[in-house]
Amino acid sequence: QGARDMRQALTYVPGVIVGQGEGHRDAPTIRGVSTTADFFTDGIRDDVQYYRDLYNIDVVEVLKGPNAMIFGRGGGGGVINRVTKKADGERIYEVTTTYGSFDTKRVELDAGQAISNDAAFRLNAMYENSGSYRDFVDLERYGINPKFSFKPDENTKVHLAYEFFSDDRTVDRGIPSDYLTGKPAKTSAEEFFGNPDESYMYYRGHTGNAIIEHEFAPGLKIKNHTQYGHYDKFYQN
């Protein structure tokens, strides 16, 4: 499908409807329960309000239904977990470019290979500069995510990763309703309501991850996942 974001990736998931998010964040409704917070990345909570990109994602998992007994803290509708691509030693060098309607322009890089029998690296990067079917609306976002993994000994694995993600866009809250009928106002789809020069959002996110796994014996393993994040978000409409 060539999905670039959560809205596109979740289009075909039964029971999940992705809303507009007031033009500045992911806002799915899972089994009738709306949320902007029940997101995870590799099992770690990702509650920051922004539009998530899929340039460095391998799988998107959706767990539907009350989840406190299974997954930890979460809402009644369910949770959405993104599984990132790992430095697994597989040799891959891939560049993908996209050009489409409404001046959509995007390029992605996925590069990685084994350095030795016990070490590997991987680099995911993306840049997008696109318009919209709506007048005056555009976005510019980019991300870079280097990863490194190694085995200090036969039974221990270490995964290290850092990501910087930036997103600048016009905040588009859609078409207002007709107060008499409650239906969208009768206007063209490209009409923008508001002042586009004063309706914008920017997001800057730095995250670092360290995962250590040690197998004591067959069937007995301990795993520690530590994450540090620093986020800067501004939104105005």
C-alpha atoms as a PDB file:
ATOM      1  CA  GLN A   1       0.000   0.000   0.000  1.00  0.00           C
ATOM      2  CA  GLY A   2       2.986   2.340   0.382  1.00  0.00           C
ATOM      3  CA  ALA A   3       1.695   3.711   3.702  1.00  0.00           C
ATOM      4  CA  ARG A   4       3.742   6.606   5.072  1.00  0.00           C
ATOM      5  CA  ASP A   5       1.874   7.315   8.312  1.00  0.00           C
ATOM      6  CA  MET A   6      -0.475   5.768  10.859  1.00  0.00           C
ATOM      7  CA  ARG A   7      -3.642   6.986   9.142  1.00  0.00           C
ATOM      8  CA  GLN A   8      -2.750   5.135   5.960  1.00  0.00           C
ATOM      9  CA  ALA A   9      -1.445   2.023   7.728  1.00  0.00           C
ATOM     10  CA  LEU A  10      -4.586   1.579   9.843  1.00  0.00           C
ATOM     11  CA  THR A  11      -7.098   2.155   7.048  1.00  0.00           C
ATOM     12  CA  TYR A  12      -7.736  -1.570   6.613  1.00  0.00           C
ATOM     13  CA  VAL A  13      -7.743  -2.577  10.297  1.00  0.00           C
ATOM     14  CA  PRO A  14     -11.307  -3.506  11.345  1.00  0.00           C
ATOM     15  CA  GLY A  15     -12.538  -1.641  14.404  1.00  0.00           C
ATOM     16  CA  VAL A  16     -10.016   1.204  14.047  1.00  0.00           C
ATOM     17  CA  ILE A  17     -10.905   4.606  12.579  1.00  0.00           C
ATOM     18  CA  VAL A  18      -8.256   7.325  12.429  1.00  0.00           C
ATOM     19  CA  GLY A  19      -9.537  10.854  13.005  1.00  0.00           C
ATOM     20  CA  GLN A  20      -8.137  14.183  11.957  1.00  0.00           C
ATOM     21  CA  GLY A  21      -6.429  14.841  15.291  1.00  0.00           C
ATOM     22  CA  GLU A  22      -7.118  18.606  15.022  1.00  0.00           C
ATOM     23  CA  GLY A  23      -4.452  18.737  12.330  1.00  0.00           C
ATOM     24  CA  HIS A  24      -1.450  18.093  14.586  1.00  0.00           C
ATOM     25  CA  ARG A  25      -1.499  14.552  16.062  1.00  0.00           C
ATOM     26  CA  ASP A  26      -2.565  10.945  15.548  1.00  0.00           C
ATOM     27  CA  ALA A  27      -6.066  10.373  16.936  1.00  0.00           C
ATOM     28  CA  PRO A  28      -7.468   6.880  16.328  1.00  0.00           C
ATOM     29  CA  THR A  29     -10.731   5.485  17.655  1.00  0.00           C
ATOM     30  CA  ILE A  30     -10.276   1.835  18.655  1.00  0.00           C
ATOM     31  CA  ARG A  31     -13.477  -0.181  19.137  1.00  0.00           C
ATOM     32  CA  GLY A  32     -15.418   3.029  19.792  1.00  0.00           C
ATOM     33  CA  VAL A  33     -12.904   4.517  22.265  1.00  0.00           C
ATOM     34  CA  SER A  34     -11.031   7.599  21.038  1.00  0.00           C
ATOM     35  CA  THR A  35      -7.436   8.117  22.134  1.00  0.00           C
ATOM     36  CA  THR A  36      -4.321  10.164  21.475  1.00  0.00           C
ATOM     37  CA  ALA A  37      -2.138   8.326  23.989  1.00  0.00           C
ATOM     38  CA  ASP A  38      -2.324   4.539  23.587  1.00  0.00           C
ATOM     39  CA  PHE A  39       0.756   4.294  21.379  1.00  0.00           C
ATOM     40  CA  PHE A  40       3.855   2.170  21.968  1.00  0.00           C
ATOM     41  CA  THR A  41       7.176   1.768  20.174  1.00  0.00           C
ATOM     42  CA  ASP A  42       8.888  -1.606  20.735  1.00  0.00           C
ATOM     43  CA  GLY A  43       6.680  -2.016  23.816  1.00  0.00           C
ATOM     44  CA  ILE A  44       7.687   1.343  25.342  1.00  0.00           C
ATOM     45  CA  ARG A  45       5.008   4.006  25.764  1.00  0.00           C
ATOM     46  CA  ASP A  46       4.963   6.712  23.084  1.00  0.00           C
ATOM     47  CA  ASP A  47       2.435   9.206  24.422  1.00  0.00           C
ATOM     48  CA  VAL A  48       3.786  12.310  22.689  1.00  0.00           C
ATOM     49  CA  GLN A  49       1.187  13.993  20.477  1.00  0.00           C
ATOM     50  CA  TYR A  50       2.507  14.125  16.911  1.00  0.00           C
ATOM     51  CA  TYR A  51       2.065  12.407  13.548  1.00  0.00           C
ATOM     52  CA  ARG A  52       4.077   9.179  13.553  1.00  0.00           C
ATOM     53  CA  ASP A  53       5.991   8.232  10.421  1.00  0.00           C
ATOM     54  CA  LEU A  54       6.699   4.683   9.213  1.00  0.00           C
ATOM     55  CA  TYR A  55      10.115   5.161   7.578  1.00  0.00           C
ATOM     56  CA  ASN A  56      11.870   3.060  10.254  1.00  0.00           C
ATOM     57  CA  ILE A  57       8.994   0.704  11.117  1.00  0.00           C
ATOM     58  CA  ASP A  58       8.891  -3.013  10.341  1.00  0.00           C
ATOM     59  CA  VAL A  59       5.430  -3.916  11.724  1.00  0.00           C
ATOM     60  CA  VAL A  60       2.425  -2.056  13.169  1.00  0.00           C
ATOM     61  CA  GLU A  61       0.596  -4.142  15.784  1.00  0.00           C
ATOM     62  CA  VAL A  62      -2.940  -3.394  16.970  1.00  0.00           C
ATOM     63  CA  LEU A  63      -4.244  -4.970  20.186  1.00  0.00           C
ATOM     64  CA  LYS A  64      -7.988  -4.393  20.445  1.00  0.00           C
ATOM     65  CA  GLY A  65     -10.082  -4.531  23.606  1.00  0.00           C
ATOM     66  CA  PRO A  66      -9.332  -3.717  27.267  1.00  0.00           C
ATOM     67  CA  ASN A  67      -5.633  -4.353  27.679  1.00  0.00           C
ATOM     68  CA  ALA A  68      -4.552  -3.654  31.244  1.00  0.00           C
ATOM     69  CA  MET A  69      -4.198  -7.360  32.074  1.00  0.00           C
ATOM     70  CA  ILE A  70      -2.136  -8.076  28.933  1.00  0.00           C
ATOM     71  CA  PHE A  71      -0.091  -5.049  27.982  1.00  0.00           C
ATOM     72  CA  GLY A  72       0.065  -2.778  30.999  1.00  0.00           C
ATOM     73  CA  ARG A  73      -1.435   0.680  31.336  1.00  0.00           C
ATOM     74  CA  GLY A  74      -3.742   1.615  28.469  1.00  0.00           C
ATOM     75  CA  GLY A  75      -7.211   2.664  27.421  1.00  0.00           C
ATOM     76  CA  GLY A  76     -10.314   0.569  27.044  1.00  0.00           C
ATOM     77  CA  GLY A  77     -10.207   0.465  23.257  1.00  0.00           C
ATOM     78  CA  GLY A  78      -6.767  -1.042  22.777  1.00  0.00           C
ATOM     79  CA  VAL A  79      -3.182  -0.123  21.970  1.00  0.00           C
ATOM     80  CA  ILE A  80      -1.081   0.397  18.841  1.00  0.00           C
ATOM     81  CA  ASN A  81       2.539  -0.764  18.923  1.00  0.00           C
ATOM     82  CA  ARG A  82       5.138   0.086  16.269  1.00  0.00           C
ATOM     83  CA  VAL A  83       8.006  -2.385  15.904  1.00  0.00           C
ATOM     84  CA  THR A  84      11.135  -0.695  14.562  1.00  0.00           C
ATOM     85  CA  LYS A  85      13.586  -2.166  12.083  1.00  0.00           C
ATOM     86  CA  LYS A  86      16.655  -3.637  13.795  1.00  0.00           C
ATOM     87  CA  ALA A  87      20.332  -4.024  12.992  1.00  0.00           C
ATOM     88  CA  ASP A  88      20.021  -7.779  12.483  1.00  0.00           C
ATOM     89  CA  GLY A  89      23.019  -8.286  10.202  1.00  0.00           C
ATOM     90  CA  GLU A  90      20.960  -8.607   7.025  1.00  0.00           C
ATOM     91  CA  ARG A  91      22.588  -6.853   4.073  1.00  0.00           C
ATOM     92  CA  ILE A  92      20.249  -4.189   2.695  1.00  0.00           C
ATOM     93  CA  TYR A  93      20.869  -1.024   0.694  1.00  0.00           C
ATOM     94  CA  GLU A  94      17.630   0.505  -0.526  1.00  0.00           C
ATOM     95  CA  VAL A  95      16.533   3.984  -1.591  1.00  0.00           C
ATOM     96  CA  THR A  96      12.844   4.689  -2.224  1.00  0.00           C
ATOM     97  CA  THR A  97      11.516   7.868  -3.816  1.00  0.00           C
ATOM     98  CA  THR A  98       7.920   9.032  -4.071  1.00  0.00           C
ATOM     99  CA  TYR A  99       6.427  11.773  -6.222  1.00  0.00           C
ATOM    100  CA  GLY A 100       2.692  12.214  -6.481  1.00  0.00           C
ATOM    101  CA  SER A 101      -0.347  14.432  -6.544  1.00  0.00           C
ATOM    102  CA  PHE A 102      -0.436  17.771  -4.728  1.00  0.00           C
ATOM    103  CA  ASP A 103       3.346  18.142  -4.982  1.00  0.00           C
ATOM    104  CA  THR A 104       4.091  15.096  -2.819  1.00  0.00           C
ATOM    105  CA  LYS A 105       7.863  14.536  -2.682  1.00  0.00           C
ATOM    106  CA  ARG A 106       9.604  11.996  -0.446  1.00  0.00           C
ATOM    107  CA  VAL A 107      12.814   9.959  -0.273  1.00  0.00           C
ATOM    108  CA  GLU A 108      13.714   7.123   2.139  1.00  0.00           C
ATOM    109  CA  LEU A 109      16.979   5.298   2.867  1.00  0.00           C
ATOM    110  CA  ASP A 110      17.404   1.850   4.439  1.00  0.00           C
ATOM    111  CA  ALA A 111      21.014   0.657   4.719  1.00  0.00           C
ATOM    112  CA  GLY A 112      22.589  -2.016   6.878  1.00  0.00           C
ATOM    113  CA  GLN A 113      24.805  -5.049   7.066  1.00  0.00           C
ATOM    114  CA  ALA A 114      26.940  -7.128   9.408  1.00  0.00           C
ATOM    115  CA  ILE A 115      30.262  -5.607  10.448  1.00  0.00           C
ATOM    116  CA  SER A 116      31.579  -8.871  11.861  1.00  0.00           C
ATOM    117  CA  ASN A 117      30.168 -12.147  13.160  1.00  0.00           C
ATOM    118  CA  ASP A 118      29.133 -10.360  16.363  1.00  0.00           C
ATOM    119  CA  ALA A 119      28.211  -6.824  15.259  1.00  0.00           C
ATOM    120  CA  ALA A 120      25.908  -5.087  12.772  1.00  0.00           C
ATOM    121  CA  PHE A 121      24.633  -1.623  11.902  1.00  0.00           C
ATOM    122  CA  ARG A 122      21.560  -0.161  10.183  1.00  0.00           C
ATOM    123  CA  LEU A 123      20.542   3.337   9.141  1.00  0.00           C
ATOM    124  CA  ASN A 124      17.015   4.494   8.332  1.00  0.00           C
ATOM    125  CA  ALA A 125      16.426   8.042   7.104  1.00  0.00           C
ATOM    126  CA  MET A 126      13.621   9.974   5.445  1.00  0.00           C
ATOM    127  CA  TYR A 127      12.841  13.439   4.039  1.00  0.00           C
ATOM    128  CA  GLU A 128       9.445  14.641   2.809  1.00  0.00           C
ATOM    129  CA  ASN A 129       8.229  17.987   1.495  1.00  0.00           C
ATOM    130  CA  SER A 130       4.604  17.801   0.339  1.00  0.00           C
ATOM    131  CA  GLY A 131       1.500  19.848  -0.297  1.00  0.00           C
ATOM    132  CA  SER A 132      -2.166  18.955   0.122  1.00  0.00           C
ATOM    133  CA  TYR A 133      -5.468  19.020  -1.724  1.00  0.00           C
ATOM    134  CA  ARG A 134      -6.349  21.824   0.728  1.00  0.00           C
ATOM    135  CA  ASP A 135      -5.297  25.361  -0.195  1.00  0.00           C
ATOM    136  CA  PHE A 136      -2.286  26.793   1.697  1.00  0.00           C
ATOM    137  CA  VAL A 137      -1.516  23.470   3.464  1.00  0.00           C
ATOM    138  CA  ASP A 138       1.923  21.867   3.304  1.00  0.00           C
ATOM    139  CA  LEU A 139       4.349  19.872   5.427  1.00  0.00           C
ATOM    140  CA  GLU A 140       8.070  19.251   5.770  1.00  0.00           C
ATOM    141  CA  ARG A 141       9.362  16.379   7.883  1.00  0.00           C
ATOM    142  CA  TYR A 142      12.513  14.337   8.157  1.00  0.00           C
ATOM    143  CA  GLY A 143      13.995  11.675  10.400  1.00  0.00           C
ATOM    144  CA  ILE A 144      17.219   9.778  10.925  1.00  0.00           C
ATOM    145  CA  ASN A 145      17.589   6.586  12.947  1.00  0.00           C
ATOM    146  CA  PRO A 146      21.029   4.902  13.211  1.00  0.00           C
ATOM    147  CA  LYS A 147      21.249   1.545  15.019  1.00  0.00           C
ATOM    148  CA  PHE A 148      24.052  -0.697  16.197  1.00  0.00           C
ATOM    149  CA  SER A 149      23.951  -4.189  17.697  1.00  0.00           C
ATOM    150  CA  PHE A 150      26.642  -6.492  19.026  1.00  0.00           C
ATOM    151  CA  LYS A 151      27.187  -9.609  21.126  1.00  0.00           C
ATOM    152  CA  PRO A 152      29.669  -9.167  24.020  1.00  0.00           C
ATOM    153  CA  ASP A 153      29.507 -12.928  24.532  1.00  0.00           C
ATOM    154  CA  GLU A 154      27.655 -15.943  23.214  1.00  0.00           C
ATOM    155  CA  ASN A 155      24.607 -15.441  25.444  1.00  0.00           C
ATOM    156  CA  THR A 156      24.296 -11.641  25.479  1.00  0.00           C
ATOM    157  CA  LYS A 157      22.917  -9.235  22.861  1.00  0.00           C
ATOM    158  CA  VAL A 158      23.012  -5.424  22.960  1.00  0.00           C
ATOM    159  CA  HIS A 159      20.948  -3.143  20.698  1.00  0.00           C
ATOM    160  CA  LEU A 160      21.616   0.615  20.623  1.00  0.00           C
ATOM    161  CA  ALA A 161      19.577   3.178  18.663  1.00  0.00           C
ATOM    162  CA  TYR A 162      19.053   6.929  18.386  1.00  0.00           C
ATOM    163  CA  GLU A 163      16.350   8.801  16.470  1.00  0.00           C
ATOM    164  CA  PHE A 164      15.844  12.447  15.585  1.00  0.00           C
ATOM    165  CA  PHE A 165      12.497  13.315  14.019  1.00  0.00           C
ATOM    166  CA  SER A 166      11.282  16.735  12.862  1.00  0.00           C
ATOM    167  CA  ASP A 167       7.829  17.735  11.565  1.00  0.00           C
ATOM    168  CA  ASP A 168       6.663  21.187  10.422  1.00  0.00           C
ATOM    169  CA  ARG A 169       3.186  21.587   8.907  1.00  0.00           C
ATOM    170  CA  THR A 170       0.153  23.791   8.437  1.00  0.00           C
ATOM    171  CA  VAL A 171      -2.554  22.922  10.938  1.00  0.00           C
ATOM    172  CA  ASP A 172      -5.725  22.036   9.007  1.00  0.00           C
ATOM    173  CA  ARG A 173      -8.766  21.416  11.202  1.00  0.00           C
ATOM    174  CA  GLY A 174     -11.068  20.733   8.294  1.00  0.00           C
ATOM    175  CA  ILE A 175     -14.434  22.162   7.249  1.00  0.00           C
ATOM    176  CA  PRO A 176     -16.790  23.550   9.936  1.00  0.00           C
ATOM    177  CA  SER A 177     -20.335  22.274  10.233  1.00  0.00           C
ATOM    178  CA  ASP A 178     -23.515  24.066   9.266  1.00  0.00           C
ATOM    179  CA  TYR A 179     -25.077  24.962  12.615  1.00  0.00           C
ATOM    180  CA  LEU A 180     -28.599  24.378  11.240  1.00  0.00           C
ATOM    181  CA  THR A 181     -28.046  20.888   9.821  1.00  0.00           C
ATOM    182  CA  GLY A 182     -24.958  19.668  11.661  1.00  0.00           C
ATOM    183  CA  LYS A 183     -23.474  18.608   8.328  1.00  0.00           C
ATOM    184  CA  PRO A 184     -20.200  19.943   6.838  1.00  0.00           C
ATOM    185  CA  ALA A 185     -20.641  23.396   5.355  1.00  0.00           C
ATOM    186  CA  LYS A 186     -21.368  23.403   1.615  1.00  0.00           C
ATOM    187  CA  THR A 187     -18.024  24.436   0.186  1.00  0.00           C
ATOM    188  CA  SER A 188     -15.279  23.045  -2.021  1.00  0.00           C
ATOM    189  CA  ALA A 189     -12.934  20.416  -0.555  1.00  0.00           C
ATOM    190  CA  GLU A 190      -9.855  22.604  -1.101  1.00  0.00           C
ATOM    191  CA  GLU A 191     -11.253  25.545   0.898  1.00  0.00           C
ATOM    192  CA  PHE A 192      -9.107  26.413   3.955  1.00  0.00           C
ATOM    193  CA  PHE A 193     -10.841  27.858   7.017  1.00  0.00           C
ATOM    194  CA  GLY A 194      -8.710  30.081   9.225  1.00  0.00           C
ATOM    195  CA  ASN A 195      -5.442  31.957   8.780  1.00  0.00           C
ATOM    196  CA  PRO A 196      -2.799  29.557   7.381  1.00  0.00           C
ATOM    197  CA  ASP A 197       0.039  31.901   8.406  1.00  0.00           C
ATOM    198  CA  GLU A 198      -1.040  31.597  12.038  1.00  0.00           C
ATOM    199  CA  SER A 199      -2.058  27.919  11.931  1.00  0.00           C
ATOM    200  CA  TYR A 200       1.031  25.759  12.207  1.00  0.00           C
ATOM    201  CA  MET A 201       2.717  23.015  14.193  1.00  0.00           C
ATOM    202  CA  TYR A 202       6.307  21.982  14.751  1.00  0.00           C
ATOM    203  CA  TYR A 203       7.703  18.950  16.516  1.00  0.00           C
ATOM    204  CA  ARG A 204      11.278  17.939  17.384  1.00  0.00           C
ATOM    205  CA  GLY A 205      11.958  14.601  19.034  1.00  0.00           C
ATOM    206  CA  HIS A 206      15.183  12.992  20.263  1.00  0.00           C
ATOM    207  CA  THR A 207      14.994   9.402  21.541  1.00  0.00           C
ATOM    208  CA  GLY A 208      17.741   7.002  22.574  1.00  0.00           C
ATOM    209  CA  ASN A 209      17.224   3.290  23.242  1.00  0.00           C
ATOM    210  CA  ALA A 210      19.367   0.564  24.759  1.00  0.00           C
ATOM    211  CA  ILE A 211      18.186  -3.061  24.882  1.00  0.00           C
ATOM    212  CA  ILE A 212      20.202  -5.742  26.653  1.00  0.00           C
ATOM    213  CA  GLU A 213      19.244  -9.423  26.510  1.00  0.00           C
ATOM    214  CA  HIS A 214      21.016 -12.229  28.362  1.00  0.00           C
ATOM    215  CA  GLU A 215      20.151 -15.919  28.200  1.00  0.00           C
ATOM    216  CA  PHE A 216      21.084 -17.770  31.373  1.00  0.00           C
ATOM    217  CA  ALA A 217      19.885 -21.145  30.132  1.00  0.00           C
ATOM    218  CA  PRO A 218      17.557 -22.523  27.447  1.00  0.00           C
ATOM    219  CA  GLY A 219      14.157 -21.012  28.190  1.00  0.00           C
ATOM    220  CA  LEU A 220      15.493 -18.530  30.790  1.00  0.00           C
ATOM    221  CA  LYS A 221      16.250 -15.037  29.531  1.00  0.00           C
ATOM    222  CA  ILE A 222      16.301 -11.552  31.058  1.00  0.00           C
ATOM    223  CA  LYS A 223      15.754  -8.381  29.015  1.00  0.00           C
ATOM    224  CA  ASN A 224      16.125  -4.704  29.932  1.00  0.00           C
ATOM    225  CA  HIS A 225      14.898  -1.875  27.689  1.00  0.00           C
ATOM    226  CA  THR A 226      15.939   1.659  28.643  1.00  0.00           C
ATOM    227  CA  GLN A 227      14.686   4.708  26.735  1.00  0.00           C
ATOM    228  CA  TYR A 228      15.437   8.413  27.058  1.00  0.00           C
ATOM    229  CA  GLY A 229      13.399  10.983  25.157  1.00  0.00           C
ATOM    230  CA  HIS A 230      13.414  14.755  24.772  1.00  0.00           C
ATOM    231  CA  TYR A 231      10.510  16.350  22.880  1.00  0.00           C
ATOM    232  CA  ASP A 232       9.588  19.873  21.782  1.00  0.00           C
ATOM    233  CA  LYS A 233       6.094  20.494  20.396  1.00  0.00           C
ATOM    234  CA  PHE A 234       4.202  23.654  19.429  1.00  0.00           C
ATOM    235  CA  TYR A 235       0.685  23.855  18.026  1.00  0.00           C
ATOM    236  CA  GLN A 236      -1.434  26.853  17.085  1.00  0.00           C
ATOM    237  CA  ASN A 237      -4.733  27.252  15.264  1.00  0.00           C
END
